[in-house]
N, C-alpha and C. Protein backbone atom coordinates (compact mmCIF):
# COMPACT_ATOMS: atom_id res chain seq x y z
N MET A 1 336.95 94.56 333.84
CA MET A 1 335.94 95.44 334.38
C MET A 1 336.53 96.82 334.68
N LEU A 2 337.72 96.86 335.25
CA LEU A 2 338.36 98.13 335.58
C LEU A 2 338.63 98.94 334.32
N ARG A 3 339.11 98.26 333.28
CA ARG A 3 339.40 98.97 332.04
C ARG A 3 338.14 99.60 331.46
N MET A 4 337.02 98.90 331.55
CA MET A 4 335.77 99.42 331.02
C MET A 4 335.31 100.64 331.82
N SER A 5 335.48 100.63 333.12
CA SER A 5 335.03 101.75 333.93
C SER A 5 335.91 102.99 333.74
N LEU A 6 337.12 102.82 333.28
CA LEU A 6 337.99 103.98 333.04
C LEU A 6 337.55 104.78 331.83
N HIS A 7 336.87 104.13 330.89
CA HIS A 7 336.47 104.79 329.66
C HIS A 7 335.02 105.27 329.68
N GLN A 8 334.35 105.10 330.78
CA GLN A 8 332.96 105.55 330.86
C GLN A 8 332.90 107.06 331.05
N ARG A 9 331.79 107.60 330.62
CA ARG A 9 331.55 109.02 330.84
C ARG A 9 331.19 109.25 332.31
N PRO A 10 331.53 110.39 332.86
CA PRO A 10 331.20 110.65 334.28
C PRO A 10 329.70 110.80 334.48
N TRP A 11 329.24 110.47 335.69
CA TRP A 11 327.83 110.59 336.04
C TRP A 11 327.51 112.02 336.44
N ALA A 12 326.30 112.47 336.11
CA ALA A 12 325.87 113.82 336.48
C ALA A 12 324.36 113.84 336.67
N LEU A 13 323.93 114.65 337.60
CA LEU A 13 322.51 114.90 337.81
C LEU A 13 322.16 116.15 337.02
N PHE A 14 321.13 116.09 336.21
CA PHE A 14 320.77 117.22 335.34
C PHE A 14 320.44 118.45 336.17
N ASP A 15 321.09 119.56 335.84
CA ASP A 15 320.87 120.84 336.51
C ASP A 15 320.34 121.82 335.47
N PRO A 16 319.08 122.28 335.59
CA PRO A 16 318.53 123.17 334.56
C PRO A 16 319.19 124.55 334.53
N LYS A 17 319.90 124.91 335.59
CA LYS A 17 320.60 126.20 335.60
C LYS A 17 321.93 126.14 334.86
N ASN A 18 322.41 124.93 334.59
CA ASN A 18 323.68 124.74 333.91
C ASN A 18 323.46 124.81 332.40
N LYS A 19 324.09 125.78 331.77
CA LYS A 19 323.90 125.99 330.34
C LYS A 19 324.39 124.80 329.52
N ASP A 20 325.47 124.16 329.95
CA ASP A 20 325.99 122.99 329.24
C ASP A 20 325.00 121.83 329.28
N HIS A 21 324.37 121.61 330.43
CA HIS A 21 323.39 120.54 330.55
C HIS A 21 322.21 120.78 329.61
N ARG A 22 321.75 122.02 329.54
CA ARG A 22 320.65 122.32 328.62
C ARG A 22 321.08 122.13 327.18
N ALA A 23 322.34 122.46 326.86
CA ALA A 23 322.85 122.27 325.50
C ALA A 23 322.93 120.78 325.14
N TYR A 24 323.33 119.93 326.10
CA TYR A 24 323.38 118.49 325.85
C TYR A 24 321.98 117.96 325.57
N PHE A 25 321.01 118.43 326.33
CA PHE A 25 319.63 117.96 326.12
C PHE A 25 319.09 118.46 324.78
N ASN A 26 319.43 119.68 324.41
CA ASN A 26 319.00 120.22 323.12
C ASN A 26 319.62 119.41 321.97
N SER A 27 320.87 119.02 322.14
CA SER A 27 321.52 118.19 321.13
C SER A 27 320.81 116.84 321.02
N PHE A 28 320.40 116.27 322.15
CA PHE A 28 319.65 115.02 322.13
C PHE A 28 318.33 115.19 321.39
N LEU A 29 317.64 116.30 321.63
CA LEU A 29 316.35 116.52 320.97
C LEU A 29 316.51 116.62 319.45
N LYS A 30 317.63 117.18 319.01
CA LYS A 30 317.87 117.31 317.57
C LYS A 30 318.28 115.99 316.93
N THR A 31 319.15 115.22 317.61
CA THR A 31 319.71 114.01 317.00
C THR A 31 319.04 112.73 317.47
N ARG A 32 318.26 112.80 318.55
CA ARG A 32 317.64 111.62 319.18
C ARG A 32 318.68 110.59 319.61
N SER A 33 319.86 111.09 319.99
CA SER A 33 320.94 110.21 320.43
C SER A 33 321.78 110.93 321.49
N TRP A 34 322.29 110.17 322.45
CA TRP A 34 323.15 110.73 323.49
C TRP A 34 324.63 110.57 323.13
N ARG A 35 324.96 110.19 321.91
CA ARG A 35 326.35 109.89 321.56
C ARG A 35 327.29 111.09 321.73
N ASP A 36 326.79 112.31 321.58
CA ASP A 36 327.63 113.50 321.71
C ASP A 36 327.66 114.05 323.13
N CYS A 37 326.91 113.45 324.02
CA CYS A 37 326.83 113.94 325.39
C CYS A 37 328.03 113.39 326.19
N PRO A 38 328.81 114.26 326.82
CA PRO A 38 329.99 113.80 327.54
C PRO A 38 329.71 113.23 328.94
N VAL A 39 328.46 113.22 329.38
CA VAL A 39 328.14 112.69 330.72
C VAL A 39 327.03 111.65 330.62
N GLN A 40 326.92 110.83 331.66
CA GLN A 40 325.80 109.92 331.81
C GLN A 40 324.88 110.53 332.84
N TRP A 41 323.61 110.54 332.57
CA TRP A 41 322.66 111.19 333.47
C TRP A 41 322.18 110.24 334.55
N ILE A 42 321.95 110.81 335.73
CA ILE A 42 321.36 110.09 336.85
C ILE A 42 319.90 110.52 336.93
N ILE A 43 319.00 109.55 337.05
CA ILE A 43 317.58 109.88 337.21
C ILE A 43 317.36 110.20 338.67
N GLY A 44 316.94 111.42 338.96
CA GLY A 44 316.86 111.90 340.33
C GLY A 44 315.56 111.63 341.05
N ASP A 45 314.57 111.07 340.39
CA ASP A 45 313.30 110.77 341.07
C ASP A 45 312.73 109.47 340.52
N ASP A 46 311.43 109.29 340.62
CA ASP A 46 310.81 108.03 340.20
C ASP A 46 310.42 108.00 338.73
N SER A 47 311.03 108.83 337.90
CA SER A 47 310.73 108.84 336.46
C SER A 47 311.15 107.53 335.81
N GLN A 48 310.50 107.19 334.73
CA GLN A 48 310.79 105.95 334.03
C GLN A 48 312.07 106.03 333.19
N ASP A 49 312.34 107.19 332.63
CA ASP A 49 313.54 107.34 331.81
C ASP A 49 314.11 108.75 331.96
N ILE A 50 315.29 108.93 331.41
CA ILE A 50 316.01 110.20 331.61
C ILE A 50 315.35 111.35 330.85
N VAL A 51 314.77 111.08 329.69
CA VAL A 51 314.12 112.15 328.92
C VAL A 51 312.92 112.69 329.69
N HIS A 52 312.15 111.81 330.28
CA HIS A 52 311.00 112.23 331.08
C HIS A 52 311.47 113.03 332.29
N TYR A 53 312.51 112.57 332.95
CA TYR A 53 313.04 113.27 334.12
C TYR A 53 313.52 114.68 333.76
N ILE A 54 314.31 114.80 332.69
CA ILE A 54 314.85 116.10 332.30
C ILE A 54 313.72 117.04 331.89
N SER A 55 312.72 116.52 331.20
CA SER A 55 311.57 117.34 330.80
C SER A 55 310.84 117.88 332.03
N LYS A 56 310.64 117.03 333.03
CA LYS A 56 309.97 117.48 334.26
C LYS A 56 310.79 118.55 334.98
N VAL A 57 312.10 118.35 335.04
CA VAL A 57 312.97 119.31 335.73
C VAL A 57 312.96 120.65 335.00
N LEU A 58 313.01 120.63 333.68
CA LEU A 58 313.01 121.88 332.90
C LEU A 58 311.68 122.63 333.04
N VAL A 59 310.58 121.91 332.99
CA VAL A 59 309.27 122.56 333.14
C VAL A 59 309.15 123.19 334.52
N THR A 60 309.57 122.47 335.54
CA THR A 60 309.53 123.01 336.90
C THR A 60 310.41 124.24 337.02
N HIS A 61 311.60 124.18 336.45
CA HIS A 61 312.54 125.30 336.53
C HIS A 61 311.98 126.56 335.86
N TYR A 62 311.48 126.41 334.63
CA TYR A 62 310.98 127.58 333.91
C TYR A 62 309.66 128.10 334.48
N ALA A 63 308.80 127.22 334.96
CA ALA A 63 307.55 127.67 335.57
C ALA A 63 307.83 128.42 336.86
N THR A 64 308.77 127.93 337.65
CA THR A 64 309.15 128.62 338.88
C THR A 64 309.76 129.98 338.57
N ALA A 65 310.61 130.02 337.57
CA ALA A 65 311.26 131.29 337.21
C ALA A 65 310.24 132.32 336.73
N GLU A 66 309.21 131.85 336.04
CA GLU A 66 308.22 132.79 335.49
C GLU A 66 307.20 133.24 336.52
N PHE A 67 306.67 132.32 337.31
CA PHE A 67 305.54 132.64 338.16
C PHE A 67 305.90 132.93 339.62
N ASP A 68 307.03 132.47 340.09
CA ASP A 68 307.42 132.73 341.47
C ASP A 68 308.44 133.84 341.60
N ALA A 69 308.71 134.53 340.52
CA ALA A 69 309.68 135.62 340.57
C ALA A 69 309.11 136.75 341.43
N LYS A 70 310.00 137.44 342.09
CA LYS A 70 309.55 138.57 342.90
C LYS A 70 308.91 139.61 342.00
N LYS A 71 307.78 140.08 342.44
CA LYS A 71 307.07 141.08 341.64
C LYS A 71 307.82 142.40 341.73
N LYS A 72 307.98 143.01 340.60
CA LYS A 72 308.65 144.30 340.56
C LYS A 72 307.68 145.36 341.04
N LYS A 73 308.20 146.27 341.84
CA LYS A 73 307.36 147.37 342.31
C LYS A 73 307.20 148.38 341.18
N VAL A 74 305.98 148.79 340.99
CA VAL A 74 305.68 149.76 339.95
C VAL A 74 305.80 151.15 340.58
N VAL A 75 306.66 151.94 340.02
CA VAL A 75 306.84 153.30 340.52
C VAL A 75 305.91 154.20 339.72
N ARG A 76 305.02 154.81 340.43
CA ARG A 76 304.05 155.69 339.76
C ARG A 76 304.52 157.13 339.84
N LYS A 77 304.25 157.83 338.78
CA LYS A 77 304.62 159.25 338.75
C LYS A 77 303.62 160.03 339.60
N PRO A 78 304.09 161.04 340.30
CA PRO A 78 303.16 161.85 341.10
C PRO A 78 302.21 162.63 340.19
N LYS A 79 301.01 162.83 340.69
CA LYS A 79 300.00 163.54 339.91
C LYS A 79 300.05 165.04 340.21
N VAL A 80 301.16 165.62 339.91
CA VAL A 80 301.34 167.06 340.11
C VAL A 80 301.33 167.72 338.75
N ALA A 81 300.55 168.78 338.65
CA ALA A 81 300.47 169.49 337.38
C ALA A 81 301.81 170.16 337.11
N LEU A 82 302.30 169.96 335.93
CA LEU A 82 303.57 170.57 335.56
C LEU A 82 303.34 172.03 335.18
N LYS A 83 304.17 172.88 335.69
CA LYS A 83 304.08 174.29 335.36
C LYS A 83 304.74 174.50 334.01
N SER A 84 304.07 175.26 333.20
CA SER A 84 304.67 175.54 331.91
C SER A 84 305.73 176.62 332.10
N LEU A 85 306.84 176.36 331.56
CA LEU A 85 307.94 177.33 331.68
C LEU A 85 307.88 178.28 330.51
N SER A 86 307.93 179.54 330.82
CA SER A 86 307.94 180.51 329.73
C SER A 86 309.41 180.78 329.40
N ARG A 87 309.72 180.46 328.20
CA ARG A 87 311.10 180.65 327.76
C ARG A 87 311.13 181.80 326.76
N LYS A 88 312.09 182.60 326.95
CA LYS A 88 312.27 183.71 326.00
C LYS A 88 313.07 183.21 324.82
N PRO A 89 312.63 183.55 323.63
CA PRO A 89 313.39 183.11 322.46
C PRO A 89 314.76 183.77 322.46
N VAL A 90 315.71 182.98 322.10
CA VAL A 90 317.09 183.47 322.05
C VAL A 90 317.33 184.09 320.69
N ASN A 91 317.78 185.33 320.70
CA ASN A 91 318.06 186.02 319.43
C ASN A 91 319.42 185.54 318.91
N ALA A 92 319.41 185.05 317.73
CA ALA A 92 320.64 184.56 317.12
C ALA A 92 321.31 185.71 316.42
N GLN A 93 322.19 186.43 317.09
CA GLN A 93 322.90 187.55 316.46
C GLN A 93 324.35 187.31 316.44
């Protein structure tokens, strides 16, 4: 039993902010296999399987990033009439 546990992949909770975790999930979506994934995933809620859990976490992460982001203040230009500058032509001599 000890020998088997030494060769297992480490456990990890999926973090949508971690670029490596997203890359592992993308690899799974392409190959439909976790064989290239260096970690074993922990299901963090009452989801039935890890794919469902990761999908929920990613949707929540991207929806929060898009809709709960701080609104940028719009800087408006003042409505002041610009004075036309009269420029004298420069004589090229």
